[in-house]
N, C-alpha and C. Protein backbone atom coordinates (compact mmCIF):
# COMPACT_ATOMS: atom_id res chain seq x y z
N MET A 1 -22.55 3.24 -22.40
CA MET A 1 -21.23 3.24 -23.06
C MET A 1 -20.42 2.13 -22.71
N LEU A 2 -19.36 2.48 -22.02
CA LEU A 2 -18.40 1.34 -21.65
C LEU A 2 -19.10 0.28 -20.76
N GLY A 3 -20.07 0.62 -20.08
CA GLY A 3 -20.79 -0.36 -19.25
C GLY A 3 -21.39 -1.46 -20.03
N LYS A 4 -21.81 -1.14 -21.27
CA LYS A 4 -22.37 -2.15 -22.18
C LYS A 4 -21.37 -3.17 -22.55
N ILE A 5 -20.17 -2.65 -22.90
CA ILE A 5 -18.97 -3.56 -23.34
C ILE A 5 -18.54 -4.46 -22.31
N ILE A 6 -18.50 -3.99 -20.94
CA ILE A 6 -17.92 -4.83 -19.95
C ILE A 6 -18.98 -5.77 -19.27
N SER A 7 -20.25 -5.51 -19.68
CA SER A 7 -21.42 -6.37 -19.13
C SER A 7 -21.10 -7.90 -19.33
N GLY A 8 -20.82 -8.56 -18.21
CA GLY A 8 -20.57 -10.00 -18.32
C GLY A 8 -19.14 -10.41 -18.53
N GLY A 9 -18.24 -9.32 -18.76
CA GLY A 9 -16.89 -9.67 -18.99
C GLY A 9 -16.10 -9.55 -17.69
N LYS A 10 -15.57 -10.71 -17.34
CA LYS A 10 -14.86 -10.75 -15.98
C LYS A 10 -13.58 -9.97 -16.04
N LEU A 11 -12.81 -10.12 -17.09
CA LEU A 11 -11.48 -9.40 -17.28
C LEU A 11 -11.82 -7.88 -17.36
N GLU A 12 -12.78 -7.48 -18.15
CA GLU A 12 -13.18 -6.03 -18.26
C GLU A 12 -13.58 -5.43 -16.93
N LYS A 13 -14.40 -6.21 -16.10
CA LYS A 13 -14.85 -5.61 -14.86
C LYS A 13 -13.61 -5.46 -13.94
N LYS A 14 -12.69 -6.40 -14.03
CA LYS A 14 -11.49 -6.29 -13.18
C LYS A 14 -10.68 -5.02 -13.49
N VAL A 15 -10.47 -4.78 -14.79
CA VAL A 15 -9.78 -3.69 -15.33
C VAL A 15 -10.40 -2.36 -14.87
N ILE A 16 -11.78 -2.30 -15.00
CA ILE A 16 -12.47 -1.07 -14.61
C ILE A 16 -12.24 -0.77 -13.16
N GLU A 17 -12.44 -1.80 -12.30
CA GLU A 17 -12.32 -1.55 -10.84
C GLU A 17 -10.87 -1.26 -10.51
N ASP A 18 -9.99 -1.85 -11.15
CA ASP A 18 -8.52 -1.39 -10.89
C ASP A 18 -8.22 -0.13 -11.34
N ILE A 19 -8.68 0.39 -12.42
CA ILE A 19 -8.59 1.77 -12.89
C ILE A 19 -9.15 2.71 -11.86
N LYS A 20 -10.28 2.51 -11.39
CA LYS A 20 -10.89 3.37 -10.47
C LYS A 20 -10.06 3.35 -9.14
N THR A 21 -9.47 2.24 -8.76
CA THR A 21 -8.57 2.19 -7.72
C THR A 21 -7.30 3.24 -7.92
N HIS A 22 -6.84 2.98 -9.10
CA HIS A 22 -5.57 3.71 -9.63
C HIS A 22 -5.88 5.23 -9.52
N ILE A 23 -6.93 5.64 -9.90
CA ILE A 23 -7.28 7.17 -9.90
C ILE A 23 -7.43 7.55 -8.53
N LYS A 24 -8.18 6.68 -7.63
CA LYS A 24 -8.40 7.09 -6.28
C LYS A 24 -7.02 7.26 -5.52
N ILE A 25 -6.09 6.41 -5.83
CA ILE A 25 -4.72 6.53 -5.17
C ILE A 25 -4.23 7.92 -5.53
N LEU A 26 -4.22 8.21 -6.89
CA LEU A 26 -3.72 9.48 -7.26
C LEU A 26 -4.43 10.70 -6.57
N CYS A 27 -5.67 10.58 -6.35
CA CYS A 27 -6.44 11.66 -5.51
C CYS A 27 -5.88 11.72 -4.17
N SER A 28 -5.58 10.47 -3.43
CA SER A 28 -5.02 10.58 -2.14
C SER A 28 -3.68 11.17 -2.23
N ALA A 29 -2.87 10.89 -3.11
CA ALA A 29 -1.57 11.53 -3.22
C ALA A 29 -1.49 12.95 -3.41
N ALA A 30 -2.54 13.46 -4.29
CA ALA A 30 -2.60 14.87 -4.60
C ALA A 30 -3.07 15.68 -3.28
N GLU A 31 -3.97 15.06 -2.56
CA GLU A 31 -4.44 15.73 -1.38
C GLU A 31 -3.40 15.64 -0.35
N CYS A 32 -2.62 14.55 -0.13
CA CYS A 32 -1.54 14.60 0.86
C CYS A 32 -0.48 15.60 0.48
N PHE A 33 -0.22 15.71 -0.81
CA PHE A 33 0.80 16.74 -1.22
C PHE A 33 0.23 18.22 -0.95
N ARG A 34 -0.94 18.52 -1.17
CA ARG A 34 -1.57 19.73 -0.94
C ARG A 34 -1.45 20.06 0.60
N ASN A 35 -1.71 19.04 1.38
CA ASN A 35 -1.67 19.34 2.86
C ASN A 35 -0.17 19.62 3.25
N SER A 36 0.75 18.86 2.73
CA SER A 36 2.13 19.02 3.11
C SER A 36 2.73 20.40 2.71
N ILE A 37 2.42 20.91 1.46
CA ILE A 37 3.07 22.15 1.12
C ILE A 37 2.27 23.30 1.83
N ALA A 38 0.98 23.05 2.19
CA ALA A 38 0.29 24.17 2.87
C ALA A 38 0.87 24.27 4.28
N THR A 39 1.43 23.31 4.90
CA THR A 39 1.90 23.29 6.20
C THR A 39 3.47 23.29 6.31
N ASN A 40 4.08 23.39 5.06
CA ASN A 40 5.51 23.35 4.94
C ASN A 40 6.09 22.13 5.51
N ASP A 41 5.34 21.06 5.52
CA ASP A 41 5.80 19.77 6.05
C ASP A 41 6.58 18.95 5.02
N LYS A 42 7.83 19.22 4.83
CA LYS A 42 8.52 18.48 3.87
C LYS A 42 8.69 16.99 3.99
N GLU A 43 8.72 16.60 5.37
CA GLU A 43 8.73 15.09 5.53
C GLU A 43 7.40 14.45 5.12
N GLY A 44 6.31 15.26 5.25
CA GLY A 44 5.00 14.68 4.86
C GLY A 44 4.91 14.41 3.35
N THR A 45 5.71 15.00 2.58
CA THR A 45 5.65 14.72 1.14
C THR A 45 6.06 13.37 0.74
N TYR A 46 6.69 12.59 1.61
CA TYR A 46 7.11 11.15 1.32
C TYR A 46 5.85 10.38 1.15
N CYS A 47 4.71 10.79 1.44
CA CYS A 47 3.45 10.02 1.32
C CYS A 47 3.27 9.75 -0.24
N VAL A 48 3.72 10.86 -0.92
CA VAL A 48 3.44 10.68 -2.38
C VAL A 48 4.18 9.51 -2.98
N ALA A 49 5.46 9.36 -2.53
CA ALA A 49 6.21 8.27 -3.07
C ALA A 49 5.62 6.90 -2.63
N ASP A 50 5.22 6.82 -1.38
CA ASP A 50 4.53 5.58 -0.79
C ASP A 50 3.32 5.26 -1.71
N LEU A 51 2.55 6.22 -2.00
CA LEU A 51 1.21 6.01 -2.65
C LEU A 51 1.62 5.64 -4.14
N GLU A 52 2.60 6.20 -4.66
CA GLU A 52 3.06 6.00 -6.03
C GLU A 52 3.49 4.47 -6.22
N ARG A 53 4.12 3.99 -5.24
CA ARG A 53 4.50 2.50 -5.22
C ARG A 53 3.22 1.65 -5.29
N GLU A 54 2.28 2.04 -4.44
CA GLU A 54 1.00 1.29 -4.40
C GLU A 54 0.29 1.47 -5.71
N ALA A 55 0.29 2.55 -6.36
CA ALA A 55 -0.37 2.72 -7.58
C ALA A 55 0.40 1.98 -8.67
N ASP A 56 1.67 1.86 -8.62
CA ASP A 56 2.43 1.14 -9.65
C ASP A 56 2.07 -0.37 -9.69
N SER A 57 1.73 -1.03 -8.50
CA SER A 57 1.36 -2.34 -8.45
C SER A 57 -0.05 -2.45 -8.97
N VAL A 58 -0.93 -1.51 -8.77
CA VAL A 58 -2.28 -1.58 -9.42
C VAL A 58 -2.19 -1.38 -10.88
N ARG A 59 -1.30 -0.48 -11.45
CA ARG A 59 -1.10 -0.27 -12.86
C ARG A 59 -0.58 -1.56 -13.52
N ARG A 60 0.35 -2.25 -12.97
CA ARG A 60 0.82 -3.52 -13.39
C ARG A 60 -0.15 -4.48 -13.63
N ASP A 61 -1.12 -4.60 -12.56
CA ASP A 61 -2.16 -5.54 -12.76
C ASP A 61 -3.14 -5.18 -13.85
N ILE A 62 -3.45 -3.84 -14.04
CA ILE A 62 -4.32 -3.33 -15.07
C ILE A 62 -3.70 -3.81 -16.49
N THR A 63 -2.38 -3.57 -16.67
CA THR A 63 -1.67 -3.87 -17.90
C THR A 63 -1.70 -5.42 -18.18
N SER A 64 -1.46 -6.09 -17.17
CA SER A 64 -1.43 -7.60 -17.29
C SER A 64 -2.88 -8.11 -17.75
N THR A 65 -3.85 -7.62 -17.04
CA THR A 65 -5.21 -8.08 -17.43
C THR A 65 -5.70 -7.75 -18.79
N ILE A 66 -5.19 -6.58 -19.26
CA ILE A 66 -5.55 -6.04 -20.66
C ILE A 66 -4.74 -6.99 -21.53
N HIS A 67 -3.60 -7.38 -21.33
CA HIS A 67 -2.76 -8.22 -22.18
C HIS A 67 -3.43 -9.71 -22.15
N GLN A 68 -4.16 -10.06 -21.19
CA GLN A 68 -4.86 -11.28 -21.20
C GLN A 68 -6.08 -11.37 -22.09
N GLY A 69 -6.43 -10.15 -22.56
CA GLY A 69 -7.51 -10.14 -23.51
C GLY A 69 -8.64 -9.24 -23.18
N ALA A 70 -8.56 -8.49 -22.11
CA ALA A 70 -9.65 -7.62 -21.78
C ALA A 70 -9.92 -6.57 -22.79
N PHE A 71 -11.18 -6.28 -23.13
CA PHE A 71 -11.69 -5.31 -24.08
C PHE A 71 -11.31 -5.63 -25.64
N LEU A 72 -12.10 -5.22 -26.50
CA LEU A 72 -11.88 -5.33 -27.85
C LEU A 72 -10.74 -4.64 -28.40
N PRO A 73 -9.99 -5.16 -29.32
CA PRO A 73 -8.70 -4.51 -29.78
C PRO A 73 -8.84 -3.08 -30.13
N PHE A 74 -10.01 -2.66 -30.68
CA PHE A 74 -10.07 -1.25 -31.07
C PHE A 74 -10.11 -0.22 -29.93
N ILE A 75 -10.42 -0.68 -28.81
CA ILE A 75 -10.53 0.22 -27.68
C ILE A 75 -9.26 0.15 -26.72
N ARG A 76 -8.49 -0.98 -26.79
CA ARG A 76 -7.39 -1.19 -25.88
C ARG A 76 -6.38 -0.05 -25.93
N PRO A 77 -5.86 0.41 -27.07
CA PRO A 77 -4.88 1.45 -27.12
C PRO A 77 -5.24 2.72 -26.33
N ASN A 78 -6.54 3.12 -26.56
CA ASN A 78 -6.90 4.38 -25.80
C ASN A 78 -7.01 4.17 -24.26
N ILE A 79 -7.42 2.91 -23.86
CA ILE A 79 -7.55 2.67 -22.47
C ILE A 79 -6.16 2.61 -21.94
N CYS A 80 -5.12 2.00 -22.64
CA CYS A 80 -3.78 1.95 -22.20
C CYS A 80 -3.15 3.38 -22.11
N ARG A 81 -3.55 4.12 -23.11
CA ARG A 81 -2.86 5.55 -23.07
C ARG A 81 -3.51 6.36 -21.99
N PHE A 82 -4.85 6.20 -21.54
CA PHE A 82 -5.35 6.81 -20.49
C PHE A 82 -4.66 6.45 -19.15
N ILE A 83 -4.35 5.20 -18.99
CA ILE A 83 -3.66 4.65 -17.82
C ILE A 83 -2.23 5.22 -17.74
N GLU A 84 -1.63 5.46 -18.95
CA GLU A 84 -0.24 5.93 -19.00
C GLU A 84 -0.23 7.38 -18.56
N MET A 85 -1.29 8.23 -18.97
CA MET A 85 -1.44 9.55 -18.62
C MET A 85 -1.64 9.77 -17.11
N VAL A 86 -2.49 8.85 -16.53
CA VAL A 86 -2.57 8.92 -15.06
C VAL A 86 -1.26 8.60 -14.38
N ASP A 87 -0.64 7.63 -14.90
CA ASP A 87 0.69 7.23 -14.37
C ASP A 87 1.73 8.39 -14.48
N GLU A 88 1.71 9.09 -15.54
CA GLU A 88 2.57 10.20 -15.79
C GLU A 88 2.34 11.35 -14.78
N ALA A 89 0.94 11.57 -14.50
CA ALA A 89 0.58 12.57 -13.58
C ALA A 89 1.07 12.27 -12.24
N PHE A 90 1.02 10.98 -11.85
CA PHE A 90 1.56 10.56 -10.60
C PHE A 90 3.09 10.76 -10.58
N ASP A 91 3.79 10.46 -11.60
CA ASP A 91 5.19 10.66 -11.56
C ASP A 91 5.58 12.07 -11.40
N LYS A 92 4.84 12.90 -12.06
CA LYS A 92 5.22 14.36 -12.03
C LYS A 92 4.77 14.93 -10.62
N LEU A 93 3.67 14.36 -10.00
CA LEU A 93 3.51 14.73 -8.67
C LEU A 93 4.58 14.31 -7.61
N GLU A 94 5.07 13.11 -7.89
CA GLU A 94 6.21 12.66 -7.12
C GLU A 94 7.54 13.48 -7.30
N ASP A 95 7.69 13.90 -8.52
CA ASP A 95 8.88 14.80 -8.79
C ASP A 95 8.73 16.11 -8.05
N ALA A 96 7.45 16.68 -8.01
CA ALA A 96 7.08 17.90 -7.33
C ALA A 96 7.45 17.82 -5.89
N ALA A 97 6.98 16.65 -5.30
CA ALA A 97 7.29 16.32 -3.90
C ALA A 97 8.74 16.36 -3.54
N PHE A 98 9.54 15.70 -4.44
CA PHE A 98 10.98 15.55 -4.19
C PHE A 98 11.64 17.00 -4.36
N GLU A 99 11.29 17.75 -5.32
CA GLU A 99 11.81 19.11 -5.47
C GLU A 99 11.46 19.98 -4.25
N PHE A 100 10.23 19.77 -3.71
CA PHE A 100 9.75 20.67 -2.71
C PHE A 100 10.66 20.43 -1.40
N ARG A 101 11.19 19.31 -1.27
CA ARG A 101 12.08 18.95 -0.05
C ARG A 101 13.35 19.80 -0.07
N TYR A 102 13.70 20.28 -1.30
CA TYR A 102 14.92 21.00 -1.27
C TYR A 102 14.80 22.47 -1.67
N VAL A 103 13.51 22.92 -1.86
CA VAL A 103 13.35 24.34 -2.27
C VAL A 103 13.63 25.26 -0.92
N ARG A 104 14.41 26.30 -1.25
CA ARG A 104 14.81 27.24 -0.18
C ARG A 104 13.44 27.91 0.42
N GLU A 105 13.40 27.88 1.70
CA GLU A 105 12.18 28.36 2.32
C GLU A 105 11.74 29.77 2.00
N ASP A 106 12.68 30.65 2.04
CA ASP A 106 12.47 32.05 1.80
C ASP A 106 11.99 32.30 0.41
N LEU A 107 12.46 31.43 -0.53
CA LEU A 107 11.88 31.53 -1.93
C LEU A 107 10.58 30.96 -2.10
N TYR A 108 10.32 29.95 -1.29
CA TYR A 108 8.99 29.34 -1.39
C TYR A 108 7.90 30.26 -0.86
N GLU A 109 8.27 30.91 0.21
CA GLU A 109 7.33 31.86 0.84
C GLU A 109 6.81 32.92 -0.12
N ILE A 110 7.64 33.23 -1.17
CA ILE A 110 7.26 34.25 -2.08
C ILE A 110 6.08 33.79 -2.94
N ILE A 111 6.12 32.49 -3.29
CA ILE A 111 5.11 31.89 -4.25
C ILE A 111 4.18 30.98 -3.53
N LYS A 112 4.20 30.93 -2.15
CA LYS A 112 3.42 29.96 -1.43
C LYS A 112 1.88 30.09 -1.73
N PRO A 113 1.34 31.27 -1.71
CA PRO A 113 -0.05 31.36 -2.04
C PRO A 113 -0.47 30.72 -3.42
N GLU A 114 0.18 31.08 -4.45
CA GLU A 114 -0.06 30.41 -5.65
C GLU A 114 0.12 28.93 -5.78
N CYS A 115 1.13 28.43 -5.04
CA CYS A 115 1.36 27.10 -5.00
C CYS A 115 0.34 26.29 -4.28
N GLU A 116 -0.13 26.90 -3.22
CA GLU A 116 -1.19 26.34 -2.56
C GLU A 116 -2.51 26.11 -3.33
N LYS A 117 -2.79 27.23 -4.15
CA LYS A 117 -3.95 27.24 -5.05
C LYS A 117 -3.80 26.09 -6.05
N ILE A 118 -2.62 26.03 -6.63
CA ILE A 118 -2.41 24.99 -7.70
C ILE A 118 -2.49 23.67 -7.11
N ALA A 119 -1.99 23.36 -5.90
CA ALA A 119 -2.14 22.12 -5.33
C ALA A 119 -3.54 21.75 -5.02
N LYS A 120 -4.35 22.76 -4.68
CA LYS A 120 -5.79 22.52 -4.36
C LYS A 120 -6.51 22.10 -5.67
N ILE A 121 -6.16 22.96 -6.68
CA ILE A 121 -6.80 22.60 -8.03
C ILE A 121 -6.51 21.33 -8.49
N ASN A 122 -5.15 20.90 -8.42
CA ASN A 122 -4.66 19.56 -8.80
C ASN A 122 -5.50 18.54 -8.09
N SER A 123 -5.68 18.69 -6.79
CA SER A 123 -6.46 17.78 -6.11
C SER A 123 -7.95 17.63 -6.66
N ALA A 124 -8.48 18.81 -6.83
CA ALA A 124 -9.85 18.90 -7.37
C ALA A 124 -10.00 18.29 -8.70
N MET A 125 -8.97 18.40 -9.50
CA MET A 125 -8.89 17.76 -10.82
C MET A 125 -8.86 16.32 -10.78
N CYS A 126 -8.13 15.87 -9.79
CA CYS A 126 -8.07 14.33 -9.70
C CYS A 126 -9.33 13.88 -9.38
N GLU A 127 -9.99 14.46 -8.43
CA GLU A 127 -11.44 13.98 -8.05
C GLU A 127 -12.34 14.00 -9.29
N LEU A 128 -12.23 15.15 -10.06
CA LEU A 128 -13.15 15.19 -11.19
C LEU A 128 -12.78 14.17 -12.24
N LEU A 129 -11.57 13.79 -12.43
CA LEU A 129 -11.20 12.75 -13.27
C LEU A 129 -11.74 11.49 -12.84
N SER A 130 -11.77 11.13 -11.54
CA SER A 130 -12.37 9.95 -10.96
C SER A 130 -13.92 9.97 -11.35
N ILE A 131 -14.57 11.11 -11.18
CA ILE A 131 -16.01 11.12 -11.49
C ILE A 131 -16.26 11.00 -12.93
N ALA A 132 -15.27 11.61 -13.85
CA ALA A 132 -15.44 11.54 -15.23
C ALA A 132 -15.35 9.94 -15.74
N PHE A 133 -14.39 9.26 -14.98
CA PHE A 133 -14.28 7.82 -15.35
C PHE A 133 -15.48 7.05 -15.01
N ASP A 134 -16.12 7.39 -13.88
CA ASP A 134 -17.33 6.75 -13.36
C ASP A 134 -18.52 7.04 -14.32
N THR A 135 -18.48 8.30 -14.84
CA THR A 135 -19.39 8.74 -15.88
C THR A 135 -19.37 7.96 -17.20
N LEU A 136 -17.97 7.69 -17.56
CA LEU A 136 -17.89 6.83 -18.79
C LEU A 136 -18.43 5.39 -18.67
N THR A 137 -18.33 4.75 -17.46
CA THR A 137 -18.76 3.50 -17.27
C THR A 137 -20.27 3.36 -16.97
N GLU A 138 -20.82 4.49 -16.68
CA GLU A 138 -22.25 4.58 -16.38
C GLU A 138 -23.01 5.49 -17.46
N LYS A 139 -23.92 6.17 -16.90
CA LYS A 139 -24.66 7.17 -17.75
C LYS A 139 -24.47 8.57 -17.28
N GLY A 140 -24.13 9.41 -18.11
CA GLY A 140 -23.83 10.78 -17.62
C GLY A 140 -23.19 11.62 -18.86
N ASP A 141 -22.95 12.95 -18.46
CA ASP A 141 -22.46 13.86 -19.46
C ASP A 141 -20.96 14.03 -19.24
N LEU A 142 -20.12 13.27 -20.06
CA LEU A 142 -18.69 13.36 -19.97
C LEU A 142 -18.12 14.68 -20.42
N LYS A 143 -18.77 15.24 -21.49
CA LYS A 143 -18.37 16.52 -21.98
C LYS A 143 -18.32 17.62 -20.95
N GLU A 144 -19.25 17.58 -20.05
CA GLU A 144 -19.37 18.63 -19.08
C GLU A 144 -18.07 18.40 -18.08
N LYS A 145 -17.70 17.27 -17.72
CA LYS A 145 -16.54 16.98 -16.88
C LYS A 145 -15.26 17.35 -17.57
N ASN A 146 -15.20 17.05 -18.81
CA ASN A 146 -14.00 17.45 -19.57
C ASN A 146 -13.81 18.95 -19.69
N LEU A 147 -14.87 19.59 -19.83
CA LEU A 147 -14.84 21.14 -19.93
C LEU A 147 -14.39 21.68 -18.65
N ALA A 148 -14.98 21.12 -17.46
CA ALA A 148 -14.59 21.65 -16.16
C ALA A 148 -13.10 21.43 -15.94
N ILE A 149 -12.48 20.26 -16.31
CA ILE A 149 -11.15 19.95 -16.09
C ILE A 149 -10.25 20.98 -16.93
N ARG A 150 -10.75 21.36 -18.18
CA ARG A 150 -10.03 22.40 -19.03
C ARG A 150 -10.00 23.77 -18.36
N ILE A 151 -11.13 24.10 -17.65
CA ILE A 151 -11.20 25.41 -17.03
C ILE A 151 -10.16 25.37 -15.84
N TYR A 152 -10.17 24.23 -15.15
CA TYR A 152 -9.20 24.18 -13.97
C TYR A 152 -7.80 24.32 -14.45
N GLU A 153 -7.48 23.71 -15.58
CA GLU A 153 -6.13 23.69 -16.26
C GLU A 153 -5.75 25.13 -16.54
N LYS A 154 -6.65 25.86 -17.08
CA LYS A 154 -6.43 27.33 -17.49
C LYS A 154 -6.12 28.08 -16.28
N GLN A 155 -6.83 27.79 -15.23
CA GLN A 155 -6.51 28.49 -13.94
C GLN A 155 -5.12 28.31 -13.57
N ILE A 156 -4.65 27.17 -13.61
CA ILE A 156 -3.28 26.83 -13.30
C ILE A 156 -2.17 27.50 -14.15
N ASP A 157 -2.54 27.57 -15.41
CA ASP A 157 -1.69 28.33 -16.37
C ASP A 157 -1.53 29.68 -15.96
N ASP A 158 -2.67 30.33 -15.58
CA ASP A 158 -2.62 31.73 -15.08
C ASP A 158 -1.77 31.87 -13.86
N LEU A 159 -1.98 30.97 -12.90
CA LEU A 159 -1.17 30.98 -11.62
C LEU A 159 0.37 30.82 -11.92
N LYS A 160 0.66 29.93 -12.93
CA LYS A 160 2.07 29.76 -13.23
C LYS A 160 2.75 31.03 -13.68
N PHE A 161 1.98 31.78 -14.51
CA PHE A 161 2.53 33.07 -15.06
C PHE A 161 2.80 34.11 -13.83
N GLU A 162 1.84 34.02 -12.88
CA GLU A 162 2.02 34.83 -11.64
C GLU A 162 3.23 34.48 -10.93
N ILE A 163 3.45 33.10 -10.77
CA ILE A 163 4.70 32.63 -10.08
C ILE A 163 5.97 33.07 -10.91
N ILE A 164 6.00 32.85 -12.14
CA ILE A 164 7.13 33.28 -12.96
C ILE A 164 7.40 34.74 -12.75
N ASP A 165 6.42 35.48 -12.75
CA ASP A 165 6.57 36.99 -12.68
C ASP A 165 7.19 37.38 -11.39
N LYS A 166 6.77 36.69 -10.38
CA LYS A 166 7.25 36.96 -8.93
C LYS A 166 8.77 36.60 -8.86
N LEU A 167 9.06 35.36 -9.36
CA LEU A 167 10.34 34.89 -9.25
C LEU A 167 11.37 35.60 -10.12
N ARG A 168 10.90 36.15 -11.34
CA ARG A 168 11.77 36.83 -12.14
C ARG A 168 12.38 38.03 -11.47
N LYS A 169 11.51 38.61 -10.55
CA LYS A 169 11.99 39.79 -9.88
C LYS A 169 12.96 39.61 -8.63
N ARG A 170 13.15 38.22 -8.40
CA ARG A 170 14.06 37.95 -7.30
C ARG A 170 15.48 37.50 -7.82
N GLU A 171 16.44 38.22 -7.37
CA GLU A 171 17.80 37.99 -7.85
C GLU A 171 18.41 36.79 -7.02
N LEU A 172 18.96 35.82 -7.66
CA LEU A 172 19.52 34.65 -7.03
C LEU A 172 20.99 34.56 -7.16
N GLN A 173 21.73 34.20 -6.24
CA GLN A 173 23.23 34.16 -6.37
C GLN A 173 23.61 32.75 -6.53
N ASN A 174 22.78 31.75 -6.18
CA ASN A 174 23.09 30.38 -6.25
C ASN A 174 22.29 29.71 -7.43
N PHE A 175 23.04 29.14 -8.35
CA PHE A 175 22.39 28.49 -9.59
C PHE A 175 21.41 27.41 -9.14
N TRP A 176 21.80 26.57 -8.11
CA TRP A 176 20.89 25.37 -7.74
C TRP A 176 19.69 25.86 -7.15
N ASP A 177 19.69 27.01 -6.35
CA ASP A 177 18.42 27.51 -5.75
C ASP A 177 17.40 27.82 -6.83
N GLY A 178 17.92 28.46 -7.91
CA GLY A 178 17.01 28.70 -9.07
C GLY A 178 16.61 27.47 -9.77
N GLU A 179 17.38 26.54 -9.91
CA GLU A 179 17.16 25.27 -10.72
C GLU A 179 16.17 24.51 -9.93
N ILE A 180 16.31 24.39 -8.65
CA ILE A 180 15.31 23.47 -7.80
C ILE A 180 13.91 24.22 -7.82
N ILE A 181 13.87 25.53 -7.60
CA ILE A 181 12.44 26.15 -7.46
C ILE A 181 11.84 26.13 -8.93
N SER A 182 12.72 26.31 -9.92
CA SER A 182 12.25 26.28 -11.35
C SER A 182 11.58 24.81 -11.72
N ASN A 183 12.31 23.79 -11.16
CA ASN A 183 11.86 22.49 -11.49
C ASN A 183 10.56 22.11 -10.62
N PHE A 184 10.50 22.72 -9.40
CA PHE A 184 9.34 22.40 -8.61
C PHE A 184 8.13 23.14 -9.22
N VAL A 185 8.19 24.26 -9.76
CA VAL A 185 7.14 25.03 -10.29
C VAL A 185 6.71 24.32 -11.52
N GLU A 186 7.69 23.88 -12.34
CA GLU A 186 7.33 23.16 -13.65
C GLU A 186 6.52 21.82 -13.23
N CYS A 187 7.06 21.09 -12.26
CA CYS A 187 6.43 19.83 -11.90
C CYS A 187 5.05 20.04 -11.40
N ILE A 188 4.78 21.01 -10.46
CA ILE A 188 3.56 21.09 -9.85
C ILE A 188 2.51 21.65 -10.79
N THR A 189 2.92 22.33 -11.92
CA THR A 189 2.00 22.74 -12.89
C THR A 189 1.77 21.86 -13.95
N LYS A 190 2.71 20.94 -14.12
CA LYS A 190 2.59 19.89 -15.31
C LYS A 190 1.53 18.85 -14.91
N VAL A 191 1.27 18.70 -13.63
CA VAL A 191 0.34 17.60 -13.27
C VAL A 191 -1.03 17.87 -13.84
N SER A 192 -1.48 19.18 -13.84
CA SER A 192 -2.80 19.47 -14.43
C SER A 192 -2.92 19.23 -15.95
N ASP A 193 -1.72 19.50 -16.66
CA ASP A 193 -1.70 19.08 -18.12
C ASP A 193 -1.94 17.70 -18.39
N LEU A 194 -1.25 16.82 -17.55
CA LEU A 194 -1.46 15.37 -17.69
C LEU A 194 -2.75 14.93 -17.34
N ILE A 195 -3.43 15.45 -16.32
CA ILE A 195 -4.80 15.14 -16.00
C ILE A 195 -5.79 15.59 -17.11
N GLU A 196 -5.45 16.73 -17.65
CA GLU A 196 -6.31 17.13 -18.79
C GLU A 196 -6.20 16.18 -20.12
N ASP A 197 -4.89 15.77 -20.27
CA ASP A 197 -4.72 14.82 -21.35
C ASP A 197 -5.44 13.51 -21.17
N ALA A 198 -5.36 13.00 -19.82
CA ALA A 198 -6.11 11.84 -19.43
C ALA A 198 -7.58 11.86 -19.66
N SER A 199 -8.20 13.12 -19.37
CA SER A 199 -9.56 13.51 -19.50
C SER A 199 -9.86 13.43 -21.05
N ASP A 200 -9.05 13.87 -21.78
CA ASP A 200 -9.23 13.85 -23.26
C ASP A 200 -9.31 12.49 -23.73
N TYR A 201 -8.55 11.60 -23.25
CA TYR A 201 -8.46 10.19 -23.72
C TYR A 201 -9.83 9.61 -23.34
N LEU A 202 -10.39 9.90 -22.21
CA LEU A 202 -11.76 9.41 -21.81
C LEU A 202 -12.75 9.75 -22.81
N TYR A 203 -12.69 11.09 -23.31
CA TYR A 203 -13.59 11.53 -24.22
C TYR A 203 -13.46 10.86 -25.62
N ILE A 204 -12.21 10.63 -25.97
CA ILE A 204 -11.89 9.75 -27.16
C ILE A 204 -12.53 8.37 -27.10
N ILE A 205 -12.39 7.85 -25.97
CA ILE A 205 -12.93 6.47 -25.72
C ILE A 205 -14.45 6.54 -25.92
N GLU A 206 -15.07 7.48 -25.29
CA GLU A 206 -16.50 7.66 -25.43
C GLU A 206 -16.96 7.78 -26.87
N ILE A 207 -16.31 8.64 -27.55
CA ILE A 207 -16.62 8.88 -28.93
C ILE A 207 -16.53 7.52 -29.82
N SER A 208 -15.35 6.83 -29.54
CA SER A 208 -15.19 5.59 -30.18
C SER A 208 -16.27 4.58 -29.96
N LEU A 209 -16.95 4.71 -28.87
CA LEU A 209 -18.01 3.69 -28.51
C LEU A 209 -19.37 4.03 -29.08
N ARG A 210 -19.51 5.30 -29.68
CA ARG A 210 -20.88 5.63 -30.16
C ARG A 210 -21.21 4.79 -31.42
């Protein structure tokens, strides 16, 4: 598939390696976030912002190399859109880390089991996205990886409904307490949507190369 196109192409090979690095950094950030919320370590969530800055530098390199002429024109838009989806997932993860630092602890305890499961699944989805990208550049069944990511995303949707049901039963006197925890839940569950979208673009790229 993609391996045939990048064969012998210096710019293409650089983009591929940089994308792999970009996804790996996202995986590290998702795992760091998972550990932080599991231990209620609010200071630990700053690792996400640190890794996001590192990822931004890699993303700029990827974009610059593509603009230098990497890949044929028909495939560039989908590759760029894939990179954007990964970057948006990173941004949403960083937003979740920010909101978590201000979530009231007694409210978080109510939904902690579900949030830990979501963070664990998000981390697993990042790893699976990395594997899926490797599959695209080599030989393998991308459809299988895409389906697995969809299954994970459905699990997070179900957990989100459980969280909403729990929080709906809790009366809040302070508007900002409700706003913050609502934003946190929205951000932590949105990460999986964006990873699924990124996976879909990989599948689109695969189909376009047939």
